[in-house]
């Protein structure tokens, strides 16, 4: 099962302070809009998202159809197929994608320790 690009989405209190902190660690802007309280930062292959006021907890994020540079992949497993595989394995989903659609969609699940996992397809 290939879940696509990986990042950690951080629920931050002050996006400007968090941006400055992670820039000191060598991260640079990759996308987002600080005026909307979200940024995507990158350092080598490592990606973090900073989200102020959008999520209660930090979460793992996977993006089917994207490489680590947010470039669209020609060949990938669609989120609806991932959803079918997870459900067939007995994984409980908190949020499901509409199986009758195509293109962008997302699912969410919680690991055994309560950590949210977002699988968010943009293509």
PDB file of N, CA and C in Angstrom:
ATOM      1  N   UNK A   1       0.860  -1.174   0.000  1.00  0.00           N
ATOM      2  CA  UNK A   1       0.000   0.000   0.000  1.00  0.00           C
ATOM      3  C   UNK A   1       0.902   1.231   0.000  1.00  0.00           C
ATOM      4  N   UNK A   2       0.794   2.046  -1.034  1.00  0.00           N
ATOM      5  CA  UNK A   2       1.578   3.276  -1.129  1.00  0.00           C
ATOM      6  C   UNK A   2       0.671   4.457  -0.808  1.00  0.00           C
ATOM      7  N   UNK A   3       0.970   5.146   0.286  1.00  0.00           N
ATOM      8  CA  UNK A   3       0.135   6.255   0.751  1.00  0.00           C
ATOM      9  C   UNK A   3       0.545   7.602   0.168  1.00  0.00           C
ATOM     10  N   UNK A   4       1.630   7.661  -0.592  1.00  0.00           N
ATOM     11  CA  UNK A   4       2.056   8.910  -1.210  1.00  0.00           C
ATOM     12  C   UNK A   4       3.014   9.706  -0.354  1.00  0.00           C
ATOM     13  N   UNK A   5       3.138  10.990  -0.650  1.00  0.00           N
ATOM     14  CA  UNK A   5       4.056  11.883   0.065  1.00  0.00           C
ATOM     15  C   UNK A   5       3.698  11.927   1.546  1.00  0.00           C
ATOM     16  N   UNK A   6       4.705  12.105   2.385  1.00  0.00           N
ATOM     17  CA  UNK A   6       4.500  12.126   3.832  1.00  0.00           C
ATOM     18  C   UNK A   6       4.923  13.461   4.417  1.00  0.00           C
ATOM     19  N   UNK A   7       4.138  13.940   5.381  1.00  0.00           N
ATOM     20  CA  UNK A   7       4.502  15.129   6.152  1.00  0.00           C
ATOM     21  C   UNK A   7       3.871  15.026   7.528  1.00  0.00           C
ATOM     22  N   UNK A   8       4.325  15.886   8.403  1.00  0.00           N
ATOM     23  CA  UNK A   8       3.724  16.014   9.717  1.00  0.00           C
ATOM     24  C   UNK A   8       3.018  17.363   9.742  1.00  0.00           C
ATOM     25  N   UNK A   9       1.749  17.361  10.105  1.00  0.00           N
ATOM     26  CA  UNK A   9       0.970  18.596  10.215  1.00  0.00           C
ATOM     27  C   UNK A   9       0.930  18.990  11.684  1.00  0.00           C
ATOM     28  N   UNK A  10       1.468  20.166  11.978  1.00  0.00           N
ATOM     29  CA  UNK A  10       1.561  20.635  13.353  1.00  0.00           C
ATOM     30  C   UNK A  10       0.490  21.666  13.661  1.00  0.00           C
ATOM     31  N   UNK A  11      -0.221  21.451  14.747  1.00  0.00           N
ATOM     32  CA  UNK A  11      -1.190  22.433  15.246  1.00  0.00           C
ATOM     33  C   UNK A  11      -0.393  23.432  16.081  1.00  0.00           C
ATOM     34  N   UNK A  12      -0.196  24.636  15.555  1.00  0.00           N
ATOM     35  CA  UNK A  12       0.660  25.625  16.217  1.00  0.00           C
ATOM     36  C   UNK A  12      -0.175  26.744  16.834  1.00  0.00           C
ATOM     37  N   UNK A  13       0.379  27.359  17.862  1.00  0.00           N
ATOM     38  CA  UNK A  13      -0.299  28.469  18.552  1.00  0.00           C
ATOM     39  C   UNK A  13      -0.031  29.805  17.874  1.00  0.00           C
ATOM     40  N   UNK A  14       1.187  29.999  17.366  1.00  0.00           N
ATOM     41  CA  UNK A  14       1.589  31.257  16.729  1.00  0.00           C
ATOM     42  C   UNK A  14       2.365  30.898  15.472  1.00  0.00           C
ATOM     43  N   UNK A  15       1.716  31.003  14.330  1.00  0.00           N
ATOM     44  CA  UNK A  15       2.331  30.554  13.078  1.00  0.00           C
ATOM     45  C   UNK A  15       3.591  31.342  12.745  1.00  0.00           C
ATOM     46  N   UNK A  16       3.638  32.624  13.097  1.00  0.00           N
ATOM     47  CA  UNK A  16       4.819  33.436  12.811  1.00  0.00           C
ATOM     48  C   UNK A  16       6.007  32.967  13.654  1.00  0.00           C
ATOM     49  N   UNK A  17       5.781  32.695  14.931  1.00  0.00           N
ATOM     50  CA  UNK A  17       6.845  32.199  15.806  1.00  0.00           C
ATOM     51  C   UNK A  17       7.301  30.812  15.351  1.00  0.00           C
ATOM     52  N   UNK A  18       6.359  29.955  14.965  1.00  0.00           N
ATOM     53  CA  UNK A  18       6.708  28.604  14.506  1.00  0.00           C
ATOM     54  C   UNK A  18       7.493  28.659  13.205  1.00  0.00           C
ATOM     55  N   UNK A  19       7.081  29.524  12.287  1.00  0.00           N
ATOM     56  CA  UNK A  19       7.796  29.678  11.006  1.00  0.00           C
ATOM     57  C   UNK A  19       9.236  30.105  11.274  1.00  0.00           C
ATOM     58  N   UNK A  20       9.420  31.105  12.121  1.00  0.00           N
ATOM     59  CA  UNK A  20      10.770  31.585  12.432  1.00  0.00           C
ATOM     60  C   UNK A  20      11.610  30.477  13.065  1.00  0.00           C
ATOM     61  N   UNK A  21      11.014  29.714  13.978  1.00  0.00           N
ATOM     62  CA  UNK A  21      11.728  28.618  14.635  1.00  0.00           C
ATOM     63  C   UNK A  21      12.196  27.583  13.625  1.00  0.00           C
ATOM     64  N   UNK A  22      11.287  27.112  12.767  1.00  0.00           N
ATOM     65  CA  UNK A  22      11.646  26.057  11.813  1.00  0.00           C
ATOM     66  C   UNK A  22      12.590  26.570  10.725  1.00  0.00           C
ATOM     67  N   UNK A  23      12.539  27.860  10.413  1.00  0.00           N
ATOM     68  CA  UNK A  23      13.518  28.417   9.476  1.00  0.00           C
ATOM     69  C   UNK A  23      14.920  28.352  10.083  1.00  0.00           C
ATOM     70  N   UNK A  24      15.035  28.527  11.393  1.00  0.00           N
ATOM     71  CA  UNK A  24      16.329  28.389  12.066  1.00  0.00           C
ATOM     72  C   UNK A  24      16.862  26.965  11.959  1.00  0.00           C
ATOM     73  N   UNK A  25      15.974  25.990  11.778  1.00  0.00           N
ATOM     74  CA  UNK A  25      16.377  24.597  11.604  1.00  0.00           C
ATOM     75  C   UNK A  25      16.628  24.242  10.136  1.00  0.00           C
ATOM     76  N   UNK A  26      16.543  25.240   9.260  1.00  0.00           N
ATOM     77  CA  UNK A  26      16.837  25.020   7.846  1.00  0.00           C
ATOM     78  C   UNK A  26      15.642  24.782   6.957  1.00  0.00           C
ATOM     79  N   UNK A  27      14.433  24.900   7.481  1.00  0.00           N
ATOM     80  CA  UNK A  27      13.239  24.737   6.653  1.00  0.00           C
ATOM     81  C   UNK A  27      12.984  26.014   5.852  1.00  0.00           C
ATOM     82  N   UNK A  28      12.377  25.872   4.684  1.00  0.00           N
ATOM     83  CA  UNK A  28      12.003  27.016   3.848  1.00  0.00           C
ATOM     84  C   UNK A  28      10.576  26.825   3.334  1.00  0.00           C
ATOM     85  N   UNK A  29       9.955  27.921   2.913  1.00  0.00           N
ATOM     86  CA  UNK A  29       8.581  27.877   2.399  1.00  0.00           C
ATOM     87  C   UNK A  29       8.485  26.979   1.177  1.00  0.00           C
ATOM     88  N   UNK A  30       7.451  26.144   1.197  1.00  0.00           N
ATOM     89  CA  UNK A  30       7.160  25.295   0.048  1.00  0.00           C
ATOM     90  C   UNK A  30       5.768  25.608  -0.501  1.00  0.00           C
ATOM     91  N   UNK A  31       4.924  26.163   0.347  1.00  0.00           N
ATOM     92  CA  UNK A  31       3.559  26.470  -0.077  1.00  0.00           C
ATOM     93  C   UNK A  31       2.742  26.970   1.093  1.00  0.00           C
ATOM     94  N   UNK A  32       1.498  27.229   0.819  1.00  0.00           N
ATOM     95  CA  UNK A  32       0.595  27.700   1.858  1.00  0.00           C
ATOM     96  C   UNK A  32       0.380  29.197   1.794  1.00  0.00           C
ATOM     97  N   UNK A  33      -0.291  29.717   2.803  1.00  0.00           N
ATOM     98  CA  UNK A  33      -0.624  31.144   2.862  1.00  0.00           C
ATOM     99  C   UNK A  33      -0.664  31.556   4.331  1.00  0.00           C
ATOM    100  N   UNK A  34       0.366  32.249   4.775  1.00  0.00           N
ATOM    101  CA  UNK A  34       0.453  32.625   6.185  1.00  0.00           C
ATOM    102  C   UNK A  34      -0.714  33.526   6.594  1.00  0.00           C
ATOM    103  N   UNK A  35      -1.278  34.278   5.655  1.00  0.00           N
ATOM    104  CA  UNK A  35      -2.427  35.134   5.989  1.00  0.00           C
ATOM    105  C   UNK A  35      -3.675  34.297   6.285  1.00  0.00           C
ATOM    106  N   UNK A  36      -3.684  33.039   5.830  1.00  0.00           N
ATOM    107  CA  UNK A  36      -4.771  32.106   6.122  1.00  0.00           C
ATOM    108  C   UNK A  36      -4.391  31.137   7.242  1.00  0.00           C
ATOM    109  N   UNK A  37      -3.250  31.391   7.884  1.00  0.00           N
ATOM    110  CA  UNK A  37      -2.762  30.614   9.030  1.00  0.00           C
ATOM    111  C   UNK A  37      -2.338  29.187   8.691  1.00  0.00           C
ATOM    112  N   UNK A  38      -1.774  28.988   7.509  1.00  0.00           N
ATOM    113  CA  UNK A  38      -1.195  27.681   7.186  1.00  0.00           C
ATOM    114  C   UNK A  38      -0.016  27.839   6.229  1.00  0.00           C
ATOM    115  N   UNK A  39       1.015  27.046   6.482  1.00  0.00           N
ATOM    116  CA  UNK A  39       2.221  27.032   5.657  1.00  0.00           C
ATOM    117  C   UNK A  39       2.728  25.600   5.528  1.00  0.00           C
ATOM    118  N   UNK A  40       3.391  25.326   4.424  1.00  0.00           N
ATOM    119  CA  UNK A  40       4.088  24.069   4.236  1.00  0.00           C
ATOM    120  C   UNK A  40       5.570  24.429   4.113  1.00  0.00           C
ATOM    121  N   UNK A  41       6.396  23.783   4.939  1.00  0.00           N
ATOM    122  CA  UNK A  41       7.831  24.050   4.966  1.00  0.00           C
ATOM    123  C   UNK A  41       8.591  22.775   4.629  1.00  0.00           C
ATOM    124  N   UNK A  42       9.769  22.945   4.026  1.00  0.00           N
ATOM    125  CA  UNK A  42      10.547  21.787   3.596  1.00  0.00           C
ATOM    126  C   UNK A  42      12.009  21.980   3.949  1.00  0.00           C
ATOM    127  N   UNK A  43      12.649  20.869   4.324  1.00  0.00           N
ATOM    128  CA  UNK A  43      14.084  20.815   4.563  1.00  0.00           C
ATOM    129  C   UNK A  43      14.545  19.490   3.973  1.00  0.00           C
ATOM    130  N   UNK A  44      15.202  19.516   2.833  1.00  0.00           N
ATOM    131  CA  UNK A  44      15.553  18.280   2.135  1.00  0.00           C
ATOM    132  C   UNK A  44      14.286  17.551   1.742  1.00  0.00           C
ATOM    133  N   UNK A  45      14.167  16.289   2.131  1.00  0.00           N
ATOM    134  CA  UNK A  45      12.960  15.510   1.852  1.00  0.00           C
ATOM    135  C   UNK A  45      11.921  15.631   2.965  1.00  0.00           C
ATOM    136  N   UNK A  46      12.226  16.389   4.004  1.00  0.00           N
ATOM    137  CA  UNK A  46      11.352  16.476   5.176  1.00  0.00           C
ATOM    138  C   UNK A  46      10.364  17.637   5.021  1.00  0.00           C
ATOM    139  N   UNK A  47       9.093  17.323   5.219  1.00  0.00           N
ATOM    140  CA  UNK A  47       8.035  18.318   5.043  1.00  0.00           C
ATOM    141  C   UNK A  47       7.223  18.409   6.324  1.00  0.00           C
ATOM    142  N   UNK A  48       6.959  19.654   6.746  1.00  0.00           N
ATOM    143  CA  UNK A  48       6.047  19.889   7.856  1.00  0.00           C
ATOM    144  C   UNK A  48       5.019  20.928   7.414  1.00  0.00           C
ATOM    145  N   UNK A  49       3.828  20.785   7.937  1.00  0.00           N
ATOM    146  CA  UNK A  49       2.790  21.790   7.735  1.00  0.00           C
ATOM    147  C   UNK A  49       2.555  22.489   9.065  1.00  0.00           C
ATOM    148  N   UNK A  50       2.430  23.806   9.030  1.00  0.00           N
ATOM    149  CA  UNK A  50       2.099  24.591  10.210  1.00  0.00           C
ATOM    150  C   UNK A  50       0.669  25.082  10.040  1.00  0.00           C
ATOM    151  N   UNK A  51      -0.192  24.759  10.996  1.00  0.00           N
ATOM    152  CA  UNK A  51      -1.619  25.095  10.904  1.00  0.00           C
ATOM    153  C   UNK A  51      -2.061  25.731  12.219  1.00  0.00           C
ATOM    154  N   UNK A  52      -2.390  27.006  12.175  1.00  0.00           N
ATOM    155  CA  UNK A  52      -2.848  27.707  13.367  1.00  0.00           C
ATOM    156  C   UNK A  52      -4.369  27.756  13.379  1.00  0.00           C
ATOM    157  N   UNK A  53      -4.962  27.176  14.431  1.00  0.00           N
ATOM    158  CA  UNK A  53      -6.407  27.230  14.593  1.00  0.00           C
ATOM    159  C   UNK A  53      -7.202  26.310  13.689  1.00  0.00           C
ATOM    160  N   UNK A  54      -6.574  25.343  13.051  1.00  0.00           N
ATOM    161  CA  UNK A  54      -7.277  24.457  12.125  1.00  0.00           C
ATOM    162  C   UNK A  54      -7.456  23.047  12.668  1.00  0.00           C
ATOM    163  N   UNK A  55      -6.505  22.575  13.471  1.00  0.00           N
ATOM    164  CA  UNK A  55      -6.542  21.222  14.011  1.00  0.00           C
ATOM    165  C   UNK A  55      -6.315  21.272  15.511  1.00  0.00           C
ATOM    166  N   UNK A  56      -6.892  20.309  16.221  1.00  0.00           N
ATOM    167  CA  UNK A  56      -6.680  20.230  17.660  1.00  0.00           C
ATOM    168  C   UNK A  56      -5.356  19.569  18.006  1.00  0.00           C
ATOM    169  N   UNK A  57      -4.939  18.604  17.185  1.00  0.00           N
ATOM    170  CA  UNK A  57      -3.742  17.816  17.468  1.00  0.00           C
ATOM    171  C   UNK A  57      -2.813  17.814  16.262  1.00  0.00           C
ATOM    172  N   UNK A  58      -1.554  17.515  16.521  1.00  0.00           N
ATOM    173  CA  UNK A  58      -0.624  17.242  15.434  1.00  0.00           C
ATOM    174  C   UNK A  58      -1.082  15.955  14.754  1.00  0.00           C
ATOM    175  N   UNK A  59      -0.792  15.826  13.468  1.00  0.00           N
ATOM    176  CA  UNK A  59      -1.189  14.599  12.773  1.00  0.00           C
ATOM    177  C   UNK A  59      -0.206  14.233  11.677  1.00  0.00           C
ATOM    178  N   UNK A  60      -0.199  12.950  11.369  1.00  0.00           N
ATOM    179  CA  UNK A  60       0.550  12.448  10.223  1.00  0.00           C
ATOM    180  C   UNK A  60      -0.301  12.693   8.990  1.00  0.00           C
ATOM    181  N   UNK A  61       0.340  13.110   7.908  1.00  0.00           N
ATOM    182  CA  UNK A  61      -0.396  13.387   6.678  1.00  0.00           C
ATOM    183  C   UNK A  61       0.264  12.664   5.510  1.00  0.00           C
ATOM    184  N   UNK A  62      -0.553  12.008   4.709  1.00  0.00           N
ATOM    185  CA  UNK A  62      -0.099  11.340   3.500  1.00  0.00           C
ATOM    186  C   UNK A  62      -0.886  11.914   2.323  1.00  0.00           C
ATOM    187  N   UNK A  63      -0.208  12.072   1.179  1.00  0.00           N
ATOM    188  CA  UNK A  63      -0.843  12.630  -0.011  1.00  0.00           C
ATOM    189  C   UNK A  63      -0.677  11.695  -1.204  1.00  0.00           C
ATOM    190  N   UNK A  64      -1.667  10.789  -1.427  1.00  0.00           N
ATOM    191  CA  UNK A  64      -1.605   9.933  -2.617  1.00  0.00           C
ATOM    192  C   UNK A  64      -1.566  10.788  -3.882  1.00  0.00           C
ATOM    193  N   UNK A  65      -0.752  10.368  -4.833  1.00  0.00           N
ATOM    194  CA  UNK A  65      -0.677  11.082  -6.105  1.00  0.00           C
ATOM    195  C   UNK A  65       0.369  12.172  -6.144  1.00  0.00           C
ATOM    196  N   UNK A  66       1.055  12.414  -5.018  1.00  0.00           N
ATOM    197  CA  UNK A  66       2.106  13.432  -4.966  1.00  0.00           C
ATOM    198  C   UNK A  66       3.441  12.811  -4.601  1.00  0.00           C
ATOM    199  N   UNK A  67       4.521  13.378  -5.155  1.00  0.00           N
ATOM    200  CA  UNK A  67       5.859  13.057  -4.675  1.00  0.00           C
ATOM    201  C   UNK A  67       6.203  14.038  -3.548  1.00  0.00           C
ATOM    202  N   UNK A  68       7.402  13.950  -2.983  1.00  0.00           N
ATOM    203  CA  UNK A  68       7.781  14.785  -1.844  1.00  0.00           C
ATOM    204  C   UNK A  68       7.950  16.262  -2.206  1.00  0.00           C
ATOM    205  N   UNK A  69       7.803  16.608  -3.497  1.00  0.00           N
ATOM    206  CA  UNK A  69       7.854  18.006  -3.932  1.00  0.00           C
ATOM    207  C   UNK A  69       6.480  18.508  -4.355  1.00  0.00           C
ATOM    208  N   UNK A  70       5.426  17.778  -3.989  1.00  0.00           N
ATOM    209  CA  UNK A  70       4.044  18.098  -4.367  1.00  0.00           C
ATOM    210  C   UNK A  70       3.850  18.045  -5.877  1.00  0.00           C
ATOM    211  N   UNK A  71       4.682  17.260  -6.540  1.00  0.00           N
ATOM    212  CA  UNK A  71       4.520  17.038  -7.970  1.00  0.00           C
ATOM    213  C   UNK A  71       3.587  15.860  -8.207  1.00  0.00           C
ATOM    214  N   UNK A  72       2.701  16.000  -9.174  1.00  0.00           N
ATOM    215  CA  UNK A  72       1.739  14.937  -9.476  1.00  0.00           C
ATOM    216  C   UNK A  72       2.451  13.719 -10.049  1.00  0.00           C
ATOM    217  N   UNK A  73       2.057  12.541  -9.555  1.00  0.00           N
ATOM    218  CA  UNK A  73       2.592  11.278 -10.053  1.00  0.00           C
ATOM    219  C   UNK A  73       1.675  10.726 -11.144  1.00  0.00           C
ATOM    220  N   UNK A  74       2.270  10.115 -12.161  1.00  0.00           N
ATOM    221  CA  UNK A  74       1.475   9.493 -13.219  1.00  0.00           C
ATOM    222  C   UNK A  74       0.776   8.234 -12.728  1.00  0.00           C
ATOM    223  N   UNK A  75       1.446   7.506 -11.844  1.00  0.00           N
ATOM    224  CA  UNK A  75       0.928   6.226 -11.373  1.00  0.00           C
ATOM    225  C   UNK A  75       0.853   6.257  -9.851  1.00  0.00           C
ATOM    226  N   UNK A  76      -0.338   6.094  -9.302  1.00  0.00           N
ATOM    227  CA  UNK A  76      -0.518   6.071  -7.856  1.00  0.00           C
ATOM    228  C   UNK A  76      -1.812   5.348  -7.521  1.00  0.00           C
ATOM    229  N   UNK A  77      -1.947   4.963  -6.263  1.00  0.00           N
ATOM    230  CA  UNK A  77      -3.156   4.297  -5.799  1.00  0.00           C
ATOM    231  C   UNK A  77      -4.154   5.357  -5.361  1.00  0.00           C
ATOM    232  N   UNK A  78      -5.301   5.396  -6.007  1.00  0.00           N
ATOM    233  CA  UNK A  78      -6.343   6.371  -5.691  1.00  0.00           C
ATOM    234  C   UNK A  78      -6.840   6.175  -4.252  1.00  0.00           C
ATOM    235  N   UNK A  79      -7.212   7.249  -3.643  1.00  0.00           N
ATOM    236  CA  UNK A  79      -7.651   7.222  -2.244  1.00  0.00           C
ATOM    237  C   UNK A  79      -8.838   6.282  -2.023  1.00  0.00           C
ATOM    238  N   UNK A  80      -9.696   6.148  -3.018  1.00  0.00           N
ATOM    239  CA  UNK A  80     -10.852   5.263  -2.865  1.00  0.00           C
ATOM    240  C   UNK A  80     -10.419   3.801  -2.796  1.00  0.00           C
ATOM    241  N   UNK A  81      -9.368   3.453  -3.547  1.00  0.00           N
ATOM    242  CA  UNK A  81      -8.809   2.100  -3.474  1.00  0.00           C
ATOM    243  C   UNK A  81      -8.135   1.896  -2.115  1.00  0.00           C
ATOM    244  N   UNK A  82      -7.391   2.884  -1.655  1.00  0.00           N
ATOM    245  CA  UNK A  82      -6.790   2.793  -0.323  1.00  0.00           C
ATOM    246  C   UNK A  82      -7.873   2.595   0.732  1.00  0.00           C
ATOM    247  N   UNK A  83      -8.974   3.330   0.602  1.00  0.00           N
ATOM    248  CA  UNK A  83     -10.091   3.222   1.540  1.00  0.00           C
ATOM    249  C   UNK A  83     -10.660   1.800   1.542  1.00  0.00           C
ATOM    250  N   UNK A  84     -10.853   1.231   0.354  1.00  0.00           N
ATOM    251  CA  UNK A  84     -11.373  -0.142   0.259  1.00  0.00           C
ATOM    252  C   UNK A  84     -10.415  -1.133   0.923  1.00  0.00           C
ATOM    253  N   UNK A  85      -9.117  -0.975   0.668  1.00  0.00           N
ATOM    254  CA  UNK A  85      -8.122  -1.871   1.261  1.00  0.00           C
ATOM    255  C   UNK A  85      -8.112  -1.752   2.789  1.00  0.00           C
ATOM    256  N   UNK A  86      -8.138  -0.539   3.297  1.00  0.00           N
ATOM    257  CA  UNK A  86      -8.127  -0.335   4.746  1.00  0.00           C
ATOM    258  C   UNK A  86      -9.366  -0.930   5.396  1.00  0.00           C
ATOM    259  N   UNK A  87     -10.525  -0.670   4.822  1.00  0.00           N
ATOM    260  CA  UNK A  87     -11.766  -1.196   5.386  1.00  0.00           C
ATOM    261  C   UNK A  87     -11.798  -2.728   5.328  1.00  0.00           C
ATOM    262  N   UNK A  88     -11.280  -3.293   4.233  1.00  0.00           N
ATOM    263  CA  UNK A  88     -11.235  -4.754   4.117  1.00  0.00           C
ATOM    264  C   UNK A  88     -10.305  -5.372   5.162  1.00  0.00           C
ATOM    265  N   UNK A  89      -9.320  -4.603   5.601  1.00  0.00           N
ATOM    266  CA  UNK A  89      -8.391  -5.067   6.642  1.00  0.00           C
ATOM    267  C   UNK A  89      -8.934  -4.833   8.045  1.00  0.00           C
ATOM    268  N   UNK A  90     -10.114  -4.227   8.127  1.00  0.00           N
ATOM    269  CA  UNK A  90     -10.721  -3.983   9.430  1.00  0.00           C
ATOM    270  C   UNK A  90     -10.343  -2.666  10.074  1.00  0.00           C
ATOM    271  N   UNK A  91      -9.690  -1.770   9.336  1.00  0.00           N
ATOM    272  CA  UNK A  91      -9.322  -0.465   9.872  1.00  0.00           C
ATOM    273  C   UNK A  91     -10.556   0.426   9.887  1.00  0.00           C
ATOM    274  N   UNK A  92     -10.833   1.018  11.053  1.00  0.00           N
ATOM    275  CA  UNK A  92     -11.973   1.922  11.189  1.00  0.00           C
ATOM    276  C   UNK A  92     -11.588   3.315  10.706  1.00  0.00           C
ATOM    277  N   UNK A  93     -12.390   3.889   9.835  1.00  0.00           N
ATOM    278  CA  UNK A  93     -12.150   5.233   9.319  1.00  0.00           C
ATOM    279  C   UNK A  93     -13.065   6.218  10.036  1.00  0.00           C
ATOM    280  N   UNK A  94     -12.494   7.346  10.430  1.00  0.00           N
ATOM    281  CA  UNK A  94     -13.269   8.406  11.078  1.00  0.00           C
ATOM    282  C   UNK A  94     -14.004   9.247  10.028  1.00  0.00           C
ATOM    283  N   UNK A  95     -13.351   9.422   8.878  1.00  0.00           N
ATOM    284  CA  UNK A  95     -13.915  10.158   7.747  1.00  0.00           C
ATOM    285  C   UNK A  95     -13.647   9.322   6.503  1.00  0.00           C
ATOM    286  N   UNK A  96     -14.659   9.207   5.643  1.00  0.00           N
ATOM    287  CA  UNK A  96     -14.503   8.423   4.420  1.00  0.00           C
ATOM    288  C   UNK A  96     -14.676   9.305   3.188  1.00  0.00           C
ATOM    289  N   UNK A  97     -14.019   8.891   2.107  1.00  0.00           N
ATOM    290  CA  UNK A  97     -14.187   9.543   0.812  1.00  0.00           C
ATOM    291  C   UNK A  97     -15.445   8.987   0.150  1.00  0.00           C
ATOM    292  N   UNK A  98     -16.087   9.802  -0.661  1.00  0.00           N
ATOM    293  CA  UNK A  98     -17.246   9.369  -1.431  1.00  0.00           C
ATOM    294  C   UNK A  98     -16.753   8.442  -2.536  1.00  0.00           C
ATOM    295  N   UNK A  99     -17.122   7.178  -2.458  1.00  0.00           N
ATOM    296  CA  UNK A  99     -16.638   6.162  -3.385  1.00  0.00           C
ATOM    297  C   UNK A  99     -17.193   6.328  -4.800  1.00  0.00           C
ATOM    298  N   UNK A 100     -18.171   7.203  -4.989  1.00  0.00           N
ATOM    299  CA  UNK A 100     -18.761   7.385  -6.313  1.00  0.00           C
ATOM    300  C   UNK A 100     -18.101   8.532  -7.080  1.00  0.00           C
ATOM    301  N   UNK A 101     -17.098   9.183  -6.474  1.00  0.00           N
ATOM    302  CA  UNK A 101     -16.445  10.325  -7.111  1.00  0.00           C
ATOM    303  C   UNK A 101     -15.047   9.939  -7.574  1.00  0.00           C
ATOM    304  N   UNK A 102     -14.375  10.888  -8.201  1.00  0.00           N
ATOM    305  CA  UNK A 102     -12.966  10.727  -8.570  1.00  0.00           C
ATOM    306  C   UNK A 102     -12.257  12.036  -8.252  1.00  0.00           C
ATOM    307  N   UNK A 103     -10.931  11.999  -8.280  1.00  0.00           N
ATOM    308  CA  UNK A 103     -10.163  13.215  -8.010  1.00  0.00           C
ATOM    309  C   UNK A 103      -9.944  13.444  -6.527  1.00  0.00           C
ATOM    310  N   UNK A 104      -9.787  14.722  -6.145  1.00  0.00           N
ATOM    311  CA  UNK A 104      -9.458  15.052  -4.758  1.00  0.00           C
ATOM    312  C   UNK A 104     -10.485  14.519  -3.752  1.00  0.00           C
ATOM    313  N   UNK A 105      -9.949  14.000  -2.655  1.00  0.00           N
ATOM    314  CA  UNK A 105     -10.781  13.493  -1.556  1.00  0.00           C
ATOM    315  C   UNK A 105      -9.856  13.204  -0.382  1.00  0.00           C
ATOM    316  N   UNK A 106     -10.440  12.934   0.775  1.00  0.00           N
ATOM    317  CA  UNK A 106      -9.610  12.591   1.930  1.00  0.00           C
ATOM    318  C   UNK A 106     -10.326  11.581   2.820  1.00  0.00           C
ATOM    319  N   UNK A 107      -9.515  10.889   3.600  1.00  0.00           N
ATOM    320  CA  UNK A 107     -10.016  10.008   4.645  1.00  0.00           C
ATOM    321  C   UNK A 107      -9.223  10.316   5.908  1.00  0.00           C
ATOM    322  N   UNK A 108      -9.781   9.970   7.056  1.00  0.00           N
ATOM    323  CA  UNK A 108      -9.066  10.161   8.304  1.00  0.00           C
ATOM    324  C   UNK A 108      -9.265   8.937   9.174  1.00  0.00           C
ATOM    325  N   UNK A 109      -8.197   8.551   9.867  1.00  0.00           N
ATOM    326  CA  UNK A 109      -8.249   7.459  10.810  1.00  0.00           C
ATOM    327  C   UNK A 109      -7.435   7.840  12.036  1.00  0.00           C
ATOM    328  N   UNK A 110      -7.578   7.063  13.086  1.00  0.00           N
ATOM    329  CA  UNK A 110      -6.879   7.308  14.342  1.00  0.00           C
ATOM    330  C   UNK A 110      -6.072   6.062  14.676  1.00  0.00           C
ATOM    331  N   UNK A 111      -4.783   6.242  15.004  1.00  0.00           N
ATOM    332  CA  UNK A 111      -3.978   5.074  15.358  1.00  0.00           C
ATOM    333  C   UNK A 111      -4.316   4.622  16.782  1.00  0.00           C
ATOM    334  N   UNK A 112      -3.797   3.478  17.229  1.00  0.00           N
ATOM    335  CA  UNK A 112      -4.161   2.948  18.548  1.00  0.00           C
ATOM    336  C   UNK A 112      -3.837   3.875  19.720  1.00  0.00           C
ATOM    337  N   UNK A 113      -2.930   4.839  19.502  1.00  0.00           N
ATOM    338  CA  UNK A 113      -2.568   5.776  20.564  1.00  0.00           C
ATOM    339  C   UNK A 113      -3.315   7.099  20.479  1.00  0.00           C
ATOM    340  N   UNK A 114      -4.285   7.172  19.580  1.00  0.00           N
ATOM    341  CA  UNK A 114      -5.088   8.387  19.462  1.00  0.00           C
ATOM    342  C   UNK A 114      -4.533   9.435  18.525  1.00  0.00           C
ATOM    343  N   UNK A 115      -3.491   9.095  17.772  1.00  0.00           N
ATOM    344  CA  UNK A 115      -2.903  10.048  16.828  1.00  0.00           C
ATOM    345  C   UNK A 115      -3.702  10.072  15.534  1.00  0.00           C
ATOM    346  N   UNK A 116      -4.144  11.254  15.104  1.00  0.00           N
ATOM    347  CA  UNK A 116      -4.886  11.323  13.843  1.00  0.00           C
ATOM    348  C   UNK A 116      -3.959  11.154  12.640  1.00  0.00           C
ATOM    349  N   UNK A 117      -4.487  10.484  11.624  1.00  0.00           N
ATOM    350  CA  UNK A 117      -3.786  10.286  10.358  1.00  0.00           C
ATOM    351  C   UNK A 117      -4.728  10.757   9.254  1.00  0.00           C
ATOM    352  N   UNK A 118      -4.251  11.744   8.487  1.00  0.00           N
ATOM    353  CA  UNK A 118      -5.004  12.283   7.366  1.00  0.00           C
ATOM    354  C   UNK A 118      -4.389  11.763   6.078  1.00  0.00           C
ATOM    355  N   UNK A 119      -5.213  11.166   5.217  1.00  0.00           N
ATOM    356  CA  UNK A 119      -4.797  10.766   3.877  1.00  0.00           C
ATOM    357  C   UNK A 119      -5.569  11.688   2.941  1.00  0.00           C
ATOM    358  N   UNK A 120      -4.843  12.620   2.329  1.00  0.00           N
ATOM    359  CA  UNK A 120      -5.452  13.754   1.625  1.00  0.00           C
ATOM    360  C   UNK A 120      -4.958  13.799   0.185  1.00  0.00           C
ATOM    361  N   UNK A 121      -5.804  13.354  -0.748  1.00  0.00           N
ATOM    362  CA  UNK A 121      -5.446  13.332  -2.172  1.00  0.00           C
ATOM    363  C   UNK A 121      -5.884  14.621  -2.820  1.00  0.00           C
ATOM    364  N   UNK A 122      -4.945  15.298  -3.495  1.00  0.00           N
ATOM    365  CA  UNK A 122      -5.208  16.582  -4.143  1.00  0.00           C
ATOM    366  C   UNK A 122      -5.365  16.485  -5.648  1.00  0.00           C
ATOM    367  N   UNK A 123      -5.098  15.309  -6.219  1.00  0.00           N
ATOM    368  CA  UNK A 123      -5.147  15.167  -7.686  1.00  0.00           C
ATOM    369  C   UNK A 123      -6.283  14.242  -8.092  1.00  0.00           C
TER     370      UNK A 123
END
